[in-house]
Amino acid sequence: EAIARRVKAFGATTAVVRRSPRTSD
């Protein structure tokens, strides 16, 4: 999550693999 927060601040797109396929901001 900490990585995704910084990646989104740069304007990149993010996909994640997690236990449940939930998206967020």
PDBML (XML) file of the C-alpha atoms, coordinates in Angstrom:
<?xml version="1.0" encoding="UTF-8" ?>
<PDBx:datablock datablockName="MODEL"
   xmlns:PDBx="http://pdbml.pdb.org/schema/pdbx-v50.xsd"
   xmlns:xsi="http://www.w3.org/2001/XMLSchema-instance"
   xsi:schemaLocation="http://pdbml.pdb.org/schema/pdbx-v50.xsd pdbx-v50.xsd">
   <PDBx:atom_siteCategory>
      <PDBx:atom_site id="1">
         <PDBx:B_iso_or_equiv>0.00</PDBx:B_iso_or_equiv>
         <PDBx:Cartn_x>0.000</PDBx:Cartn_x>
         <PDBx:Cartn_y>0.000</PDBx:Cartn_y>
         <PDBx:Cartn_z>0.000</PDBx:Cartn_z>
         <PDBx:auth_asym_id>A</PDBx:auth_asym_id>
         <PDBx:auth_atom_id>CA</PDBx:auth_atom_id>
         <PDBx:auth_comp_id>GLU</PDBx:auth_comp_id>
         <PDBx:auth_seq_id>1</PDBx:auth_seq_id>
         <PDBx:group_PDB>ATOM</PDBx:group_PDB>
         <PDBx:label_alt_id xsi:nil="true" />
         <PDBx:label_asym_id>A</PDBx:label_asym_id>
         <PDBx:label_atom_id>CA</PDBx:label_atom_id>
         <PDBx:label_comp_id>GLU</PDBx:label_comp_id>
         <PDBx:label_entity_id>1</PDBx:label_entity_id>
         <PDBx:label_seq_id>1</PDBx:label_seq_id>
         <PDBx:occupancy>1.00</PDBx:occupancy>
         <PDBx:pdbx_PDB_model_num>1</PDBx:pdbx_PDB_model_num>
         <PDBx:type_symbol>C</PDBx:type_symbol>
      </PDBx:atom_site>
      <PDBx:atom_site id="2">
         <PDBx:B_iso_or_equiv>0.00</PDBx:B_iso_or_equiv>
         <PDBx:Cartn_x>2.840</PDBx:Cartn_x>
         <PDBx:Cartn_y>2.412</PDBx:Cartn_y>
         <PDBx:Cartn_z>0.792</PDBx:Cartn_z>
         <PDBx:auth_asym_id>A</PDBx:auth_asym_id>
         <PDBx:auth_atom_id>CA</PDBx:auth_atom_id>
         <PDBx:auth_comp_id>ALA</PDBx:auth_comp_id>
         <PDBx:auth_seq_id>2</PDBx:auth_seq_id>
         <PDBx:group_PDB>ATOM</PDBx:group_PDB>
         <PDBx:label_alt_id xsi:nil="true" />
         <PDBx:label_asym_id>A</PDBx:label_asym_id>
         <PDBx:label_atom_id>CA</PDBx:label_atom_id>
         <PDBx:label_comp_id>ALA</PDBx:label_comp_id>
         <PDBx:label_entity_id>1</PDBx:label_entity_id>
         <PDBx:label_seq_id>2</PDBx:label_seq_id>
         <PDBx:occupancy>1.00</PDBx:occupancy>
         <PDBx:pdbx_PDB_model_num>1</PDBx:pdbx_PDB_model_num>
         <PDBx:type_symbol>C</PDBx:type_symbol>
      </PDBx:atom_site>
      <PDBx:atom_site id="3">
         <PDBx:B_iso_or_equiv>0.00</PDBx:B_iso_or_equiv>
         <PDBx:Cartn_x>4.347</PDBx:Cartn_x>
         <PDBx:Cartn_y>1.716</PDBx:Cartn_y>
         <PDBx:Cartn_z>-2.639</PDBx:Cartn_z>
         <PDBx:auth_asym_id>A</PDBx:auth_asym_id>
         <PDBx:auth_atom_id>CA</PDBx:auth_atom_id>
         <PDBx:auth_comp_id>ILE</PDBx:auth_comp_id>
         <PDBx:auth_seq_id>3</PDBx:auth_seq_id>
         <PDBx:group_PDB>ATOM</PDBx:group_PDB>
         <PDBx:label_alt_id xsi:nil="true" />
         <PDBx:label_asym_id>A</PDBx:label_asym_id>
         <PDBx:label_atom_id>CA</PDBx:label_atom_id>
         <PDBx:label_comp_id>ILE</PDBx:label_comp_id>
         <PDBx:label_entity_id>1</PDBx:label_entity_id>
         <PDBx:label_seq_id>3</PDBx:label_seq_id>
         <PDBx:occupancy>1.00</PDBx:occupancy>
         <PDBx:pdbx_PDB_model_num>1</PDBx:pdbx_PDB_model_num>
         <PDBx:type_symbol>C</PDBx:type_symbol>
      </PDBx:atom_site>
      <PDBx:atom_site id="4">
         <PDBx:B_iso_or_equiv>0.00</PDBx:B_iso_or_equiv>
         <PDBx:Cartn_x>0.988</PDBx:Cartn_x>
         <PDBx:Cartn_y>2.202</PDBx:Cartn_y>
         <PDBx:Cartn_z>-4.399</PDBx:Cartn_z>
         <PDBx:auth_asym_id>A</PDBx:auth_asym_id>
         <PDBx:auth_atom_id>CA</PDBx:auth_atom_id>
         <PDBx:auth_comp_id>ALA</PDBx:auth_comp_id>
         <PDBx:auth_seq_id>4</PDBx:auth_seq_id>
         <PDBx:group_PDB>ATOM</PDBx:group_PDB>
         <PDBx:label_alt_id xsi:nil="true" />
         <PDBx:label_asym_id>A</PDBx:label_asym_id>
         <PDBx:label_atom_id>CA</PDBx:label_atom_id>
         <PDBx:label_comp_id>ALA</PDBx:label_comp_id>
         <PDBx:label_entity_id>1</PDBx:label_entity_id>
         <PDBx:label_seq_id>4</PDBx:label_seq_id>
         <PDBx:occupancy>1.00</PDBx:occupancy>
         <PDBx:pdbx_PDB_model_num>1</PDBx:pdbx_PDB_model_num>
         <PDBx:type_symbol>C</PDBx:type_symbol>
      </PDBx:atom_site>
      <PDBx:atom_site id="5">
         <PDBx:B_iso_or_equiv>0.00</PDBx:B_iso_or_equiv>
         <PDBx:Cartn_x>0.468</PDBx:Cartn_x>
         <PDBx:Cartn_y>5.523</PDBx:Cartn_y>
         <PDBx:Cartn_z>-2.627</PDBx:Cartn_z>
         <PDBx:auth_asym_id>A</PDBx:auth_asym_id>
         <PDBx:auth_atom_id>CA</PDBx:auth_atom_id>
         <PDBx:auth_comp_id>ARG</PDBx:auth_comp_id>
         <PDBx:auth_seq_id>5</PDBx:auth_seq_id>
         <PDBx:group_PDB>ATOM</PDBx:group_PDB>
         <PDBx:label_alt_id xsi:nil="true" />
         <PDBx:label_asym_id>A</PDBx:label_asym_id>
         <PDBx:label_atom_id>CA</PDBx:label_atom_id>
         <PDBx:label_comp_id>ARG</PDBx:label_comp_id>
         <PDBx:label_entity_id>1</PDBx:label_entity_id>
         <PDBx:label_seq_id>5</PDBx:label_seq_id>
         <PDBx:occupancy>1.00</PDBx:occupancy>
         <PDBx:pdbx_PDB_model_num>1</PDBx:pdbx_PDB_model_num>
         <PDBx:type_symbol>C</PDBx:type_symbol>
      </PDBx:atom_site>
      <PDBx:atom_site id="6">
         <PDBx:B_iso_or_equiv>0.00</PDBx:B_iso_or_equiv>
         <PDBx:Cartn_x>3.736</PDBx:Cartn_x>
         <PDBx:Cartn_y>6.877</PDBx:Cartn_y>
         <PDBx:Cartn_z>-4.017</PDBx:Cartn_z>
         <PDBx:auth_asym_id>A</PDBx:auth_asym_id>
         <PDBx:auth_atom_id>CA</PDBx:auth_atom_id>
         <PDBx:auth_comp_id>ARG</PDBx:auth_comp_id>
         <PDBx:auth_seq_id>6</PDBx:auth_seq_id>
         <PDBx:group_PDB>ATOM</PDBx:group_PDB>
         <PDBx:label_alt_id xsi:nil="true" />
         <PDBx:label_asym_id>A</PDBx:label_asym_id>
         <PDBx:label_atom_id>CA</PDBx:label_atom_id>
         <PDBx:label_comp_id>ARG</PDBx:label_comp_id>
         <PDBx:label_entity_id>1</PDBx:label_entity_id>
         <PDBx:label_seq_id>6</PDBx:label_seq_id>
         <PDBx:occupancy>1.00</PDBx:occupancy>
         <PDBx:pdbx_PDB_model_num>1</PDBx:pdbx_PDB_model_num>
         <PDBx:type_symbol>C</PDBx:type_symbol>
      </PDBx:atom_site>
      <PDBx:atom_site id="7">
         <PDBx:B_iso_or_equiv>0.00</PDBx:B_iso_or_equiv>
         <PDBx:Cartn_x>3.221</PDBx:Cartn_x>
         <PDBx:Cartn_y>5.404</PDBx:Cartn_y>
         <PDBx:Cartn_z>-7.466</PDBx:Cartn_z>
         <PDBx:auth_asym_id>A</PDBx:auth_asym_id>
         <PDBx:auth_atom_id>CA</PDBx:auth_atom_id>
         <PDBx:auth_comp_id>VAL</PDBx:auth_comp_id>
         <PDBx:auth_seq_id>7</PDBx:auth_seq_id>
         <PDBx:group_PDB>ATOM</PDBx:group_PDB>
         <PDBx:label_alt_id xsi:nil="true" />
         <PDBx:label_asym_id>A</PDBx:label_asym_id>
         <PDBx:label_atom_id>CA</PDBx:label_atom_id>
         <PDBx:label_comp_id>VAL</PDBx:label_comp_id>
         <PDBx:label_entity_id>1</PDBx:label_entity_id>
         <PDBx:label_seq_id>7</PDBx:label_seq_id>
         <PDBx:occupancy>1.00</PDBx:occupancy>
         <PDBx:pdbx_PDB_model_num>1</PDBx:pdbx_PDB_model_num>
         <PDBx:type_symbol>C</PDBx:type_symbol>
      </PDBx:atom_site>
      <PDBx:atom_site id="8">
         <PDBx:B_iso_or_equiv>0.00</PDBx:B_iso_or_equiv>
         <PDBx:Cartn_x>-0.179</PDBx:Cartn_x>
         <PDBx:Cartn_y>7.083</PDBx:Cartn_y>
         <PDBx:Cartn_z>-7.771</PDBx:Cartn_z>
         <PDBx:auth_asym_id>A</PDBx:auth_asym_id>
         <PDBx:auth_atom_id>CA</PDBx:auth_atom_id>
         <PDBx:auth_comp_id>LYS</PDBx:auth_comp_id>
         <PDBx:auth_seq_id>8</PDBx:auth_seq_id>
         <PDBx:group_PDB>ATOM</PDBx:group_PDB>
         <PDBx:label_alt_id xsi:nil="true" />
         <PDBx:label_asym_id>A</PDBx:label_asym_id>
         <PDBx:label_atom_id>CA</PDBx:label_atom_id>
         <PDBx:label_comp_id>LYS</PDBx:label_comp_id>
         <PDBx:label_entity_id>1</PDBx:label_entity_id>
         <PDBx:label_seq_id>8</PDBx:label_seq_id>
         <PDBx:occupancy>1.00</PDBx:occupancy>
         <PDBx:pdbx_PDB_model_num>1</PDBx:pdbx_PDB_model_num>
         <PDBx:type_symbol>C</PDBx:type_symbol>
      </PDBx:atom_site>
      <PDBx:atom_site id="9">
         <PDBx:B_iso_or_equiv>0.00</PDBx:B_iso_or_equiv>
         <PDBx:Cartn_x>1.364</PDBx:Cartn_x>
         <PDBx:Cartn_y>10.392</PDBx:Cartn_y>
         <PDBx:Cartn_z>-6.707</PDBx:Cartn_z>
         <PDBx:auth_asym_id>A</PDBx:auth_asym_id>
         <PDBx:auth_atom_id>CA</PDBx:auth_atom_id>
         <PDBx:auth_comp_id>ALA</PDBx:auth_comp_id>
         <PDBx:auth_seq_id>9</PDBx:auth_seq_id>
         <PDBx:group_PDB>ATOM</PDBx:group_PDB>
         <PDBx:label_alt_id xsi:nil="true" />
         <PDBx:label_asym_id>A</PDBx:label_asym_id>
         <PDBx:label_atom_id>CA</PDBx:label_atom_id>
         <PDBx:label_comp_id>ALA</PDBx:label_comp_id>
         <PDBx:label_entity_id>1</PDBx:label_entity_id>
         <PDBx:label_seq_id>9</PDBx:label_seq_id>
         <PDBx:occupancy>1.00</PDBx:occupancy>
         <PDBx:pdbx_PDB_model_num>1</PDBx:pdbx_PDB_model_num>
         <PDBx:type_symbol>C</PDBx:type_symbol>
      </PDBx:atom_site>
      <PDBx:atom_site id="10">
         <PDBx:B_iso_or_equiv>0.00</PDBx:B_iso_or_equiv>
         <PDBx:Cartn_x>3.494</PDBx:Cartn_x>
         <PDBx:Cartn_y>10.157</PDBx:Cartn_y>
         <PDBx:Cartn_z>-9.871</PDBx:Cartn_z>
         <PDBx:auth_asym_id>A</PDBx:auth_asym_id>
         <PDBx:auth_atom_id>CA</PDBx:auth_atom_id>
         <PDBx:auth_comp_id>PHE</PDBx:auth_comp_id>
         <PDBx:auth_seq_id>10</PDBx:auth_seq_id>
         <PDBx:group_PDB>ATOM</PDBx:group_PDB>
         <PDBx:label_alt_id xsi:nil="true" />
         <PDBx:label_asym_id>A</PDBx:label_asym_id>
         <PDBx:label_atom_id>CA</PDBx:label_atom_id>
         <PDBx:label_comp_id>PHE</PDBx:label_comp_id>
         <PDBx:label_entity_id>1</PDBx:label_entity_id>
         <PDBx:label_seq_id>10</PDBx:label_seq_id>
         <PDBx:occupancy>1.00</PDBx:occupancy>
         <PDBx:pdbx_PDB_model_num>1</PDBx:pdbx_PDB_model_num>
         <PDBx:type_symbol>C</PDBx:type_symbol>
      </PDBx:atom_site>
      <PDBx:atom_site id="11">
         <PDBx:B_iso_or_equiv>0.00</PDBx:B_iso_or_equiv>
         <PDBx:Cartn_x>0.371</PDBx:Cartn_x>
         <PDBx:Cartn_y>9.571</PDBx:Cartn_y>
         <PDBx:Cartn_z>-11.981</PDBx:Cartn_z>
         <PDBx:auth_asym_id>A</PDBx:auth_asym_id>
         <PDBx:auth_atom_id>CA</PDBx:auth_atom_id>
         <PDBx:auth_comp_id>GLY</PDBx:auth_comp_id>
         <PDBx:auth_seq_id>11</PDBx:auth_seq_id>
         <PDBx:group_PDB>ATOM</PDBx:group_PDB>
         <PDBx:label_alt_id xsi:nil="true" />
         <PDBx:label_asym_id>A</PDBx:label_asym_id>
         <PDBx:label_atom_id>CA</PDBx:label_atom_id>
         <PDBx:label_comp_id>GLY</PDBx:label_comp_id>
         <PDBx:label_entity_id>1</PDBx:label_entity_id>
         <PDBx:label_seq_id>11</PDBx:label_seq_id>
         <PDBx:occupancy>1.00</PDBx:occupancy>
         <PDBx:pdbx_PDB_model_num>1</PDBx:pdbx_PDB_model_num>
         <PDBx:type_symbol>C</PDBx:type_symbol>
      </PDBx:atom_site>
      <PDBx:atom_site id="12">
         <PDBx:B_iso_or_equiv>0.00</PDBx:B_iso_or_equiv>
         <PDBx:Cartn_x>1.105</PDBx:Cartn_x>
         <PDBx:Cartn_y>5.968</PDBx:Cartn_y>
         <PDBx:Cartn_z>-12.969</PDBx:Cartn_z>
         <PDBx:auth_asym_id>A</PDBx:auth_asym_id>
         <PDBx:auth_atom_id>CA</PDBx:auth_atom_id>
         <PDBx:auth_comp_id>ALA</PDBx:auth_comp_id>
         <PDBx:auth_seq_id>12</PDBx:auth_seq_id>
         <PDBx:group_PDB>ATOM</PDBx:group_PDB>
         <PDBx:label_alt_id xsi:nil="true" />
         <PDBx:label_asym_id>A</PDBx:label_asym_id>
         <PDBx:label_atom_id>CA</PDBx:label_atom_id>
         <PDBx:label_comp_id>ALA</PDBx:label_comp_id>
         <PDBx:label_entity_id>1</PDBx:label_entity_id>
         <PDBx:label_seq_id>12</PDBx:label_seq_id>
         <PDBx:occupancy>1.00</PDBx:occupancy>
         <PDBx:pdbx_PDB_model_num>1</PDBx:pdbx_PDB_model_num>
         <PDBx:type_symbol>C</PDBx:type_symbol>
      </PDBx:atom_site>
      <PDBx:atom_site id="13">
         <PDBx:B_iso_or_equiv>0.00</PDBx:B_iso_or_equiv>
         <PDBx:Cartn_x>-1.508</PDBx:Cartn_x>
         <PDBx:Cartn_y>3.220</PDBx:Cartn_y>
         <PDBx:Cartn_z>-13.174</PDBx:Cartn_z>
         <PDBx:auth_asym_id>A</PDBx:auth_asym_id>
         <PDBx:auth_atom_id>CA</PDBx:auth_atom_id>
         <PDBx:auth_comp_id>THR</PDBx:auth_comp_id>
         <PDBx:auth_seq_id>13</PDBx:auth_seq_id>
         <PDBx:group_PDB>ATOM</PDBx:group_PDB>
         <PDBx:label_alt_id xsi:nil="true" />
         <PDBx:label_asym_id>A</PDBx:label_asym_id>
         <PDBx:label_atom_id>CA</PDBx:label_atom_id>
         <PDBx:label_comp_id>THR</PDBx:label_comp_id>
         <PDBx:label_entity_id>1</PDBx:label_entity_id>
         <PDBx:label_seq_id>13</PDBx:label_seq_id>
         <PDBx:occupancy>1.00</PDBx:occupancy>
         <PDBx:pdbx_PDB_model_num>1</PDBx:pdbx_PDB_model_num>
         <PDBx:type_symbol>C</PDBx:type_symbol>
      </PDBx:atom_site>
      <PDBx:atom_site id="14">
         <PDBx:B_iso_or_equiv>0.00</PDBx:B_iso_or_equiv>
         <PDBx:Cartn_x>-1.518</PDBx:Cartn_x>
         <PDBx:Cartn_y>0.497</PDBx:Cartn_y>
         <PDBx:Cartn_z>-10.531</PDBx:Cartn_z>
         <PDBx:auth_asym_id>A</PDBx:auth_asym_id>
         <PDBx:auth_atom_id>CA</PDBx:auth_atom_id>
         <PDBx:auth_comp_id>THR</PDBx:auth_comp_id>
         <PDBx:auth_seq_id>14</PDBx:auth_seq_id>
         <PDBx:group_PDB>ATOM</PDBx:group_PDB>
         <PDBx:label_alt_id xsi:nil="true" />
         <PDBx:label_asym_id>A</PDBx:label_asym_id>
         <PDBx:label_atom_id>CA</PDBx:label_atom_id>
         <PDBx:label_comp_id>THR</PDBx:label_comp_id>
         <PDBx:label_entity_id>1</PDBx:label_entity_id>
         <PDBx:label_seq_id>14</PDBx:label_seq_id>
         <PDBx:occupancy>1.00</PDBx:occupancy>
         <PDBx:pdbx_PDB_model_num>1</PDBx:pdbx_PDB_model_num>
         <PDBx:type_symbol>C</PDBx:type_symbol>
      </PDBx:atom_site>
      <PDBx:atom_site id="15">
         <PDBx:B_iso_or_equiv>0.00</PDBx:B_iso_or_equiv>
         <PDBx:Cartn_x>-2.663</PDBx:Cartn_x>
         <PDBx:Cartn_y>-3.093</PDBx:Cartn_y>
         <PDBx:Cartn_z>-10.497</PDBx:Cartn_z>
         <PDBx:auth_asym_id>A</PDBx:auth_asym_id>
         <PDBx:auth_atom_id>CA</PDBx:auth_atom_id>
         <PDBx:auth_comp_id>ALA</PDBx:auth_comp_id>
         <PDBx:auth_seq_id>15</PDBx:auth_seq_id>
         <PDBx:group_PDB>ATOM</PDBx:group_PDB>
         <PDBx:label_alt_id xsi:nil="true" />
         <PDBx:label_asym_id>A</PDBx:label_asym_id>
         <PDBx:label_atom_id>CA</PDBx:label_atom_id>
         <PDBx:label_comp_id>ALA</PDBx:label_comp_id>
         <PDBx:label_entity_id>1</PDBx:label_entity_id>
         <PDBx:label_seq_id>15</PDBx:label_seq_id>
         <PDBx:occupancy>1.00</PDBx:occupancy>
         <PDBx:pdbx_PDB_model_num>1</PDBx:pdbx_PDB_model_num>
         <PDBx:type_symbol>C</PDBx:type_symbol>
      </PDBx:atom_site>
      <PDBx:atom_site id="16">
         <PDBx:B_iso_or_equiv>0.00</PDBx:B_iso_or_equiv>
         <PDBx:Cartn_x>-2.297</PDBx:Cartn_x>
         <PDBx:Cartn_y>-5.256</PDBx:Cartn_y>
         <PDBx:Cartn_z>-7.409</PDBx:Cartn_z>
         <PDBx:auth_asym_id>A</PDBx:auth_asym_id>
         <PDBx:auth_atom_id>CA</PDBx:auth_atom_id>
         <PDBx:auth_comp_id>VAL</PDBx:auth_comp_id>
         <PDBx:auth_seq_id>16</PDBx:auth_seq_id>
         <PDBx:group_PDB>ATOM</PDBx:group_PDB>
         <PDBx:label_alt_id xsi:nil="true" />
         <PDBx:label_asym_id>A</PDBx:label_asym_id>
         <PDBx:label_atom_id>CA</PDBx:label_atom_id>
         <PDBx:label_comp_id>VAL</PDBx:label_comp_id>
         <PDBx:label_entity_id>1</PDBx:label_entity_id>
         <PDBx:label_seq_id>16</PDBx:label_seq_id>
         <PDBx:occupancy>1.00</PDBx:occupancy>
         <PDBx:pdbx_PDB_model_num>1</PDBx:pdbx_PDB_model_num>
         <PDBx:type_symbol>C</PDBx:type_symbol>
      </PDBx:atom_site>
      <PDBx:atom_site id="17">
         <PDBx:B_iso_or_equiv>0.00</PDBx:B_iso_or_equiv>
         <PDBx:Cartn_x>-2.459</PDBx:Cartn_x>
         <PDBx:Cartn_y>-8.911</PDBx:Cartn_y>
         <PDBx:Cartn_z>-6.514</PDBx:Cartn_z>
         <PDBx:auth_asym_id>A</PDBx:auth_asym_id>
         <PDBx:auth_atom_id>CA</PDBx:auth_atom_id>
         <PDBx:auth_comp_id>VAL</PDBx:auth_comp_id>
         <PDBx:auth_seq_id>17</PDBx:auth_seq_id>
         <PDBx:group_PDB>ATOM</PDBx:group_PDB>
         <PDBx:label_alt_id xsi:nil="true" />
         <PDBx:label_asym_id>A</PDBx:label_asym_id>
         <PDBx:label_atom_id>CA</PDBx:label_atom_id>
         <PDBx:label_comp_id>VAL</PDBx:label_comp_id>
         <PDBx:label_entity_id>1</PDBx:label_entity_id>
         <PDBx:label_seq_id>17</PDBx:label_seq_id>
         <PDBx:occupancy>1.00</PDBx:occupancy>
         <PDBx:pdbx_PDB_model_num>1</PDBx:pdbx_PDB_model_num>
         <PDBx:type_symbol>C</PDBx:type_symbol>
      </PDBx:atom_site>
      <PDBx:atom_site id="18">
         <PDBx:B_iso_or_equiv>0.00</PDBx:B_iso_or_equiv>
         <PDBx:Cartn_x>-4.106</PDBx:Cartn_x>
         <PDBx:Cartn_y>-9.363</PDBx:Cartn_y>
         <PDBx:Cartn_z>-3.125</PDBx:Cartn_z>
         <PDBx:auth_asym_id>A</PDBx:auth_asym_id>
         <PDBx:auth_atom_id>CA</PDBx:auth_atom_id>
         <PDBx:auth_comp_id>ARG</PDBx:auth_comp_id>
         <PDBx:auth_seq_id>18</PDBx:auth_seq_id>
         <PDBx:group_PDB>ATOM</PDBx:group_PDB>
         <PDBx:label_alt_id xsi:nil="true" />
         <PDBx:label_asym_id>A</PDBx:label_asym_id>
         <PDBx:label_atom_id>CA</PDBx:label_atom_id>
         <PDBx:label_comp_id>ARG</PDBx:label_comp_id>
         <PDBx:label_entity_id>1</PDBx:label_entity_id>
         <PDBx:label_seq_id>18</PDBx:label_seq_id>
         <PDBx:occupancy>1.00</PDBx:occupancy>
         <PDBx:pdbx_PDB_model_num>1</PDBx:pdbx_PDB_model_num>
         <PDBx:type_symbol>C</PDBx:type_symbol>
      </PDBx:atom_site>
      <PDBx:atom_site id="19">
         <PDBx:B_iso_or_equiv>0.00</PDBx:B_iso_or_equiv>
         <PDBx:Cartn_x>-6.363</PDBx:Cartn_x>
         <PDBx:Cartn_y>-11.777</PDBx:Cartn_y>
         <PDBx:Cartn_z>-1.285</PDBx:Cartn_z>
         <PDBx:auth_asym_id>A</PDBx:auth_asym_id>
         <PDBx:auth_atom_id>CA</PDBx:auth_atom_id>
         <PDBx:auth_comp_id>ARG</PDBx:auth_comp_id>
         <PDBx:auth_seq_id>19</PDBx:auth_seq_id>
         <PDBx:group_PDB>ATOM</PDBx:group_PDB>
         <PDBx:label_alt_id xsi:nil="true" />
         <PDBx:label_asym_id>A</PDBx:label_asym_id>
         <PDBx:label_atom_id>CA</PDBx:label_atom_id>
         <PDBx:label_comp_id>ARG</PDBx:label_comp_id>
         <PDBx:label_entity_id>1</PDBx:label_entity_id>
         <PDBx:label_seq_id>19</PDBx:label_seq_id>
         <PDBx:occupancy>1.00</PDBx:occupancy>
         <PDBx:pdbx_PDB_model_num>1</PDBx:pdbx_PDB_model_num>
         <PDBx:type_symbol>C</PDBx:type_symbol>
      </PDBx:atom_site>
      <PDBx:atom_site id="20">
         <PDBx:B_iso_or_equiv>0.00</PDBx:B_iso_or_equiv>
         <PDBx:Cartn_x>-9.536</PDBx:Cartn_x>
         <PDBx:Cartn_y>-10.131</PDBx:Cartn_y>
         <PDBx:Cartn_z>-2.582</PDBx:Cartn_z>
         <PDBx:auth_asym_id>A</PDBx:auth_asym_id>
         <PDBx:auth_atom_id>CA</PDBx:auth_atom_id>
         <PDBx:auth_comp_id>SER</PDBx:auth_comp_id>
         <PDBx:auth_seq_id>20</PDBx:auth_seq_id>
         <PDBx:group_PDB>ATOM</PDBx:group_PDB>
         <PDBx:label_alt_id xsi:nil="true" />
         <PDBx:label_asym_id>A</PDBx:label_asym_id>
         <PDBx:label_atom_id>CA</PDBx:label_atom_id>
         <PDBx:label_comp_id>SER</PDBx:label_comp_id>
         <PDBx:label_entity_id>1</PDBx:label_entity_id>
         <PDBx:label_seq_id>20</PDBx:label_seq_id>
         <PDBx:occupancy>1.00</PDBx:occupancy>
         <PDBx:pdbx_PDB_model_num>1</PDBx:pdbx_PDB_model_num>
         <PDBx:type_symbol>C</PDBx:type_symbol>
      </PDBx:atom_site>
      <PDBx:atom_site id="21">
         <PDBx:B_iso_or_equiv>0.00</PDBx:B_iso_or_equiv>
         <PDBx:Cartn_x>-9.874</PDBx:Cartn_x>
         <PDBx:Cartn_y>-8.226</PDBx:Cartn_y>
         <PDBx:Cartn_z>-5.897</PDBx:Cartn_z>
         <PDBx:auth_asym_id>A</PDBx:auth_asym_id>
         <PDBx:auth_atom_id>CA</PDBx:auth_atom_id>
         <PDBx:auth_comp_id>PRO</PDBx:auth_comp_id>
         <PDBx:auth_seq_id>21</PDBx:auth_seq_id>
         <PDBx:group_PDB>ATOM</PDBx:group_PDB>
         <PDBx:label_alt_id xsi:nil="true" />
         <PDBx:label_asym_id>A</PDBx:label_asym_id>
         <PDBx:label_atom_id>CA</PDBx:label_atom_id>
         <PDBx:label_comp_id>PRO</PDBx:label_comp_id>
         <PDBx:label_entity_id>1</PDBx:label_entity_id>
         <PDBx:label_seq_id>21</PDBx:label_seq_id>
         <PDBx:occupancy>1.00</PDBx:occupancy>
         <PDBx:pdbx_PDB_model_num>1</PDBx:pdbx_PDB_model_num>
         <PDBx:type_symbol>C</PDBx:type_symbol>
      </PDBx:atom_site>
      <PDBx:atom_site id="22">
         <PDBx:B_iso_or_equiv>0.00</PDBx:B_iso_or_equiv>
         <PDBx:Cartn_x>-10.840</PDBx:Cartn_x>
         <PDBx:Cartn_y>-4.869</PDBx:Cartn_y>
         <PDBx:Cartn_z>-4.370</PDBx:Cartn_z>
         <PDBx:auth_asym_id>A</PDBx:auth_asym_id>
         <PDBx:auth_atom_id>CA</PDBx:auth_atom_id>
         <PDBx:auth_comp_id>ARG</PDBx:auth_comp_id>
         <PDBx:auth_seq_id>22</PDBx:auth_seq_id>
         <PDBx:group_PDB>ATOM</PDBx:group_PDB>
         <PDBx:label_alt_id xsi:nil="true" />
         <PDBx:label_asym_id>A</PDBx:label_asym_id>
         <PDBx:label_atom_id>CA</PDBx:label_atom_id>
         <PDBx:label_comp_id>ARG</PDBx:label_comp_id>
         <PDBx:label_entity_id>1</PDBx:label_entity_id>
         <PDBx:label_seq_id>22</PDBx:label_seq_id>
         <PDBx:occupancy>1.00</PDBx:occupancy>
         <PDBx:pdbx_PDB_model_num>1</PDBx:pdbx_PDB_model_num>
         <PDBx:type_symbol>C</PDBx:type_symbol>
      </PDBx:atom_site>
      <PDBx:atom_site id="23">
         <PDBx:B_iso_or_equiv>0.00</PDBx:B_iso_or_equiv>
         <PDBx:Cartn_x>-9.882</PDBx:Cartn_x>
         <PDBx:Cartn_y>-1.589</PDBx:Cartn_y>
         <PDBx:Cartn_z>-6.030</PDBx:Cartn_z>
         <PDBx:auth_asym_id>A</PDBx:auth_asym_id>
         <PDBx:auth_atom_id>CA</PDBx:auth_atom_id>
         <PDBx:auth_comp_id>THR</PDBx:auth_comp_id>
         <PDBx:auth_seq_id>23</PDBx:auth_seq_id>
         <PDBx:group_PDB>ATOM</PDBx:group_PDB>
         <PDBx:label_alt_id xsi:nil="true" />
         <PDBx:label_asym_id>A</PDBx:label_asym_id>
         <PDBx:label_atom_id>CA</PDBx:label_atom_id>
         <PDBx:label_comp_id>THR</PDBx:label_comp_id>
         <PDBx:label_entity_id>1</PDBx:label_entity_id>
         <PDBx:label_seq_id>23</PDBx:label_seq_id>
         <PDBx:occupancy>1.00</PDBx:occupancy>
         <PDBx:pdbx_PDB_model_num>1</PDBx:pdbx_PDB_model_num>
         <PDBx:type_symbol>C</PDBx:type_symbol>
      </PDBx:atom_site>
      <PDBx:atom_site id="24">
         <PDBx:B_iso_or_equiv>0.00</PDBx:B_iso_or_equiv>
         <PDBx:Cartn_x>-9.543</PDBx:Cartn_x>
         <PDBx:Cartn_y>1.822</PDBx:Cartn_y>
         <PDBx:Cartn_z>-4.373</PDBx:Cartn_z>
         <PDBx:auth_asym_id>A</PDBx:auth_asym_id>
         <PDBx:auth_atom_id>CA</PDBx:auth_atom_id>
         <PDBx:auth_comp_id>SER</PDBx:auth_comp_id>
         <PDBx:auth_seq_id>24</PDBx:auth_seq_id>
         <PDBx:group_PDB>ATOM</PDBx:group_PDB>
         <PDBx:label_alt_id xsi:nil="true" />
         <PDBx:label_asym_id>A</PDBx:label_asym_id>
         <PDBx:label_atom_id>CA</PDBx:label_atom_id>
         <PDBx:label_comp_id>SER</PDBx:label_comp_id>
         <PDBx:label_entity_id>1</PDBx:label_entity_id>
         <PDBx:label_seq_id>24</PDBx:label_seq_id>
         <PDBx:occupancy>1.00</PDBx:occupancy>
         <PDBx:pdbx_PDB_model_num>1</PDBx:pdbx_PDB_model_num>
         <PDBx:type_symbol>C</PDBx:type_symbol>
      </PDBx:atom_site>
      <PDBx:atom_site id="25">
         <PDBx:B_iso_or_equiv>0.00</PDBx:B_iso_or_equiv>
         <PDBx:Cartn_x>-8.279</PDBx:Cartn_x>
         <PDBx:Cartn_y>5.345</PDBx:Cartn_y>
         <PDBx:Cartn_z>-5.005</PDBx:Cartn_z>
         <PDBx:auth_asym_id>A</PDBx:auth_asym_id>
         <PDBx:auth_atom_id>CA</PDBx:auth_atom_id>
         <PDBx:auth_comp_id>ASP</PDBx:auth_comp_id>
         <PDBx:auth_seq_id>25</PDBx:auth_seq_id>
         <PDBx:group_PDB>ATOM</PDBx:group_PDB>
         <PDBx:label_alt_id xsi:nil="true" />
         <PDBx:label_asym_id>A</PDBx:label_asym_id>
         <PDBx:label_atom_id>CA</PDBx:label_atom_id>
         <PDBx:label_comp_id>ASP</PDBx:label_comp_id>
         <PDBx:label_entity_id>1</PDBx:label_entity_id>
         <PDBx:label_seq_id>25</PDBx:label_seq_id>
         <PDBx:occupancy>1.00</PDBx:occupancy>
         <PDBx:pdbx_PDB_model_num>1</PDBx:pdbx_PDB_model_num>
         <PDBx:type_symbol>C</PDBx:type_symbol>
      </PDBx:atom_site>
   </PDBx:atom_siteCategory>
</PDBx:datablock>
